[in-house]
Amino acid sequence: MKPGSKVTMRSMAMSLGLGLTPVREALMRLVSENALQMKGPKTIVVPTYTKEEFAELAAIRQELEGLAAQIAAQNVSSADIDELEAIHIGYSTSRAAGDFASALQLHERFHFTLYQKSNLNRLCALIEGLWVSSGPHVSKLFPGFASNLEGPIAHRKAIAALRNKDPDGVRAAIVEDIVLGEKKISQMLDKALD
């Protein structure tokens, strides 16, 4: 969903094939987690962040995701690294083919496959909440960002650091990936204000 778009319980229930009660409960949970906003008694919208708000989310993500990646680097096996590399190849292929829905899913899968190797479930849950909050803005990176190879380079740096058993290098690569995305989104938010 795009930032600023309205979410109605009835349309969500119909599109998901569910009743209104479970949809209402799910939407209220997303509101409580700041992934959605109440704009009135019956109006729920996808938040539109200012540059400063998105920069705050990105700064928090850098710390938490950097920590998860650094700890995960100490726990990964060769098979885990091979899995991450396969996910990354799929991500790069999807980007090159213009399949941005798949690229976004594989990008998320790459990050969370790595973070889950930290074995810190609460940390991963916090990161997941931040991804839900920032997701609508991150989705706006495509297709324009697809021509930029910096994101895939950061993933390759993380894989190389994992193979070299370099937790600090893995952390730095993940932070770099987040910084690059935040920079591009900040530029888009600037254009929206012009």
Protein backbone atom coordinates (compact mmCIF):
# COMPACT_ATOMS: atom_id res chain seq x y z
CA MET A 1 0.00 0.00 0.00
CA LYS A 2 1.19 3.49 -0.78
CA PRO A 3 1.74 6.20 1.84
CA GLY A 4 -1.41 8.28 2.34
CA SER A 5 -3.80 5.65 0.99
CA LYS A 6 -7.00 4.90 2.92
CA VAL A 7 -7.62 1.46 4.36
CA THR A 8 -11.21 0.35 4.80
CA MET A 9 -12.18 -2.65 6.86
CA ARG A 10 -14.82 -3.74 4.38
CA SER A 11 -12.50 -3.68 1.35
CA MET A 12 -9.73 -5.46 3.29
CA ALA A 13 -12.17 -8.12 4.49
CA MET A 14 -13.40 -8.67 0.94
CA SER A 15 -9.93 -8.83 -0.60
CA LEU A 16 -8.70 -11.25 2.07
CA GLY A 17 -11.90 -13.31 2.19
CA LEU A 18 -12.27 -12.73 5.93
CA GLY A 19 -14.94 -11.40 8.25
CA LEU A 20 -14.91 -7.85 9.58
CA THR A 21 -13.96 -8.83 13.15
CA PRO A 22 -10.53 -10.38 12.41
CA VAL A 23 -9.76 -7.59 9.93
CA ARG A 24 -10.73 -4.92 12.50
CA GLU A 25 -8.51 -6.58 15.12
CA ALA A 26 -5.57 -6.79 12.70
CA LEU A 27 -5.94 -3.17 11.61
CA MET A 28 -6.18 -1.96 15.21
CA ARG A 29 -3.01 -3.88 16.03
CA LEU A 30 -1.25 -2.22 13.08
CA VAL A 31 -2.48 1.16 14.36
CA SER A 32 -1.10 0.38 17.83
CA GLU A 33 2.25 -0.53 16.23
CA ASN A 34 2.26 2.77 14.27
CA ALA A 35 2.15 0.93 10.94
CA LEU A 36 -1.21 2.58 10.22
CA GLN A 37 -2.78 5.79 11.55
CA MET A 38 -6.30 6.65 12.70
CA LYS A 39 -7.34 9.91 11.04
CA GLY A 40 -10.91 9.81 12.31
CA PRO A 41 -13.35 7.45 14.02
CA LYS A 42 -13.59 5.28 10.91
CA THR A 43 -10.66 6.49 8.81
CA ILE A 44 -7.42 4.52 8.76
CA VAL A 45 -4.54 5.55 6.50
CA VAL A 46 -1.05 4.39 5.62
CA PRO A 47 1.25 6.98 7.24
CA THR A 48 3.10 9.52 5.16
CA TYR A 49 6.36 10.39 6.87
CA THR A 50 8.31 13.59 6.71
CA LYS A 51 12.00 13.40 5.89
CA GLU A 52 12.79 13.79 9.59
CA GLU A 53 10.41 11.02 10.64
CA PHE A 54 11.78 8.63 8.04
CA ALA A 55 15.38 9.55 9.01
CA GLU A 56 14.51 8.66 12.62
CA LEU A 57 13.17 5.25 11.53
CA ALA A 58 16.30 4.67 9.45
CA ALA A 59 18.60 5.61 12.35
CA ILE A 60 16.84 3.15 14.65
CA ARG A 61 16.96 0.48 11.94
CA GLN A 62 20.70 0.99 11.50
CA GLU A 63 21.33 0.29 15.17
CA LEU A 64 18.98 -2.66 15.58
CA GLU A 65 19.60 -4.33 12.22
CA GLY A 66 23.33 -3.71 12.49
CA LEU A 67 23.33 -5.44 15.87
CA ALA A 68 21.26 -8.37 14.59
CA ALA A 69 23.56 -8.79 11.57
CA GLN A 70 26.71 -8.58 13.69
CA ILE A 71 25.48 -11.25 16.12
CA ALA A 72 24.10 -13.41 13.29
CA ALA A 73 27.54 -13.36 11.64
CA GLN A 74 28.88 -15.29 14.61
CA ASN A 75 26.25 -18.02 14.21
CA VAL A 76 25.97 -18.64 10.45
CA SER A 77 27.12 -21.82 8.78
CA SER A 78 28.45 -22.19 5.25
CA ALA A 79 25.04 -23.50 4.21
CA ASP A 80 23.39 -20.38 5.70
CA ILE A 81 25.74 -18.15 3.70
CA ASP A 82 24.99 -20.14 0.54
CA GLU A 83 21.26 -19.64 1.20
CA LEU A 84 21.76 -15.88 1.60
CA GLU A 85 23.76 -15.80 -1.62
CA ALA A 86 20.99 -17.65 -3.48
CA ILE A 87 18.41 -15.19 -2.14
CA HIS A 88 20.61 -12.29 -3.22
CA ILE A 89 20.99 -13.73 -6.73
CA GLY A 90 17.20 -14.01 -6.97
CA TYR A 91 16.86 -10.44 -5.73
CA SER A 92 19.34 -9.10 -8.29
CA THR A 93 17.69 -11.12 -11.08
CA SER A 94 14.23 -9.83 -10.15
CA ARG A 95 15.47 -6.24 -10.13
CA ALA A 96 17.13 -6.65 -13.53
CA ALA A 97 13.93 -8.19 -14.96
CA GLY A 98 11.77 -5.38 -13.61
CA ASP A 99 9.88 -7.73 -11.29
CA PHE A 100 9.84 -5.30 -8.40
CA ALA A 101 7.25 -7.14 -6.29
CA SER A 102 9.54 -10.18 -6.20
CA ALA A 103 12.60 -7.99 -5.67
CA LEU A 104 11.02 -6.40 -2.59
CA GLN A 105 10.05 -9.80 -1.18
CA LEU A 106 13.55 -11.20 -1.77
CA HIS A 107 15.16 -8.10 -0.29
CA GLU A 108 13.12 -8.59 2.89
CA ARG A 109 13.86 -12.33 2.89
CA PHE A 110 17.61 -11.66 2.60
CA HIS A 111 17.60 -9.36 5.61
CA PHE A 112 15.36 -11.49 7.83
CA THR A 113 17.12 -14.74 6.93
CA LEU A 114 20.29 -13.08 8.20
CA TYR A 115 18.72 -11.49 11.29
CA GLN A 116 17.04 -14.71 12.38
CA LYS A 117 20.50 -16.30 12.66
CA SER A 118 21.10 -13.95 15.62
CA ASN A 119 18.68 -16.17 17.58
CA LEU A 120 17.35 -13.00 19.25
CA ASN A 121 13.59 -13.25 18.75
CA ARG A 122 12.69 -9.98 20.50
CA LEU A 123 15.24 -8.07 18.46
CA CYS A 124 13.86 -9.59 15.25
CA ALA A 125 10.30 -8.67 16.32
CA LEU A 126 11.36 -5.05 16.88
CA ILE A 127 13.02 -4.97 13.46
CA GLU A 128 9.92 -6.47 11.85
CA GLY A 129 7.80 -3.68 13.35
CA LEU A 130 10.15 -1.07 11.91
CA TRP A 131 9.95 -2.73 8.49
CA VAL A 132 6.15 -2.67 8.63
CA SER A 133 6.27 1.04 9.47
CA SER A 134 8.78 1.93 6.77
CA GLY A 135 7.60 -0.55 4.12
CA PRO A 136 5.22 1.70 2.16
CA HIS A 137 8.00 4.25 1.67
CA VAL A 138 10.61 1.62 0.84
CA SER A 139 8.31 0.20 -1.85
CA LYS A 140 8.47 3.58 -3.57
CA LEU A 141 12.17 2.98 -4.31
CA PHE A 142 11.16 0.83 -7.27
CA PRO A 143 11.46 1.08 -10.23
CA GLY A 144 13.74 4.13 -10.05
CA PHE A 145 16.15 2.61 -7.54
CA ALA A 146 16.47 -0.59 -9.59
CA SER A 147 18.94 1.06 -11.94
CA ASN A 148 21.19 1.85 -8.98
CA LEU A 149 23.50 -1.04 -8.08
CA GLU A 150 24.48 0.23 -4.62
CA GLY A 151 21.88 -1.91 -2.83
CA PRO A 152 23.06 -5.19 -4.38
CA ILE A 153 26.67 -4.17 -3.69
CA ALA A 154 25.85 -3.78 0.03
CA HIS A 155 24.34 -7.29 0.04
CA ARG A 156 27.44 -8.68 -1.68
CA LYS A 157 29.63 -6.95 0.91
CA ALA A 158 27.60 -8.59 3.68
CA ILE A 159 28.01 -12.03 2.06
CA ALA A 160 31.76 -11.50 1.62
CA ALA A 161 32.09 -10.40 5.25
CA LEU A 162 30.15 -13.49 6.38
CA ARG A 163 32.50 -15.73 4.40
CA ASN A 164 35.48 -13.91 5.97
CA LYS A 165 34.00 -14.34 9.47
CA ASP A 166 33.94 -10.56 9.90
CA PRO A 167 30.95 -9.57 12.10
CA ASP A 168 31.89 -5.87 12.01
CA GLY A 169 32.00 -5.99 8.21
CA VAL A 170 28.55 -7.60 8.08
CA ARG A 171 27.19 -4.90 10.37
CA ALA A 172 28.76 -2.17 8.22
CA ALA A 173 27.30 -3.64 5.01
CA ILE A 174 23.78 -3.84 6.44
CA VAL A 175 24.01 -0.30 7.80
CA GLU A 176 25.24 0.85 4.37
CA ASP A 177 22.21 -0.78 2.74
CA ILE A 178 19.83 1.06 5.10
CA VAL A 179 21.66 4.38 4.65
CA LEU A 180 21.47 4.08 0.85
CA GLY A 181 17.72 3.41 0.96
CA GLU A 182 17.10 6.27 3.40
CA LYS A 183 19.10 8.64 1.17
CA LYS A 184 17.00 7.73 -1.89
CA ILE A 185 13.72 8.02 0.02
CA SER A 186 14.82 11.38 1.41
CA GLN A 187 15.44 12.57 -2.16
CA MET A 188 11.96 11.39 -3.18
CA LEU A 189 10.40 13.18 -0.21
CA ASP A 190 12.28 16.35 -1.23
CA LYS A 191 10.81 16.11 -4.75
CA ALA A 192 7.33 15.59 -3.34
CA LEU A 193 7.68 18.89 -1.45
CA ASP A 194 8.79 20.83 -4.56
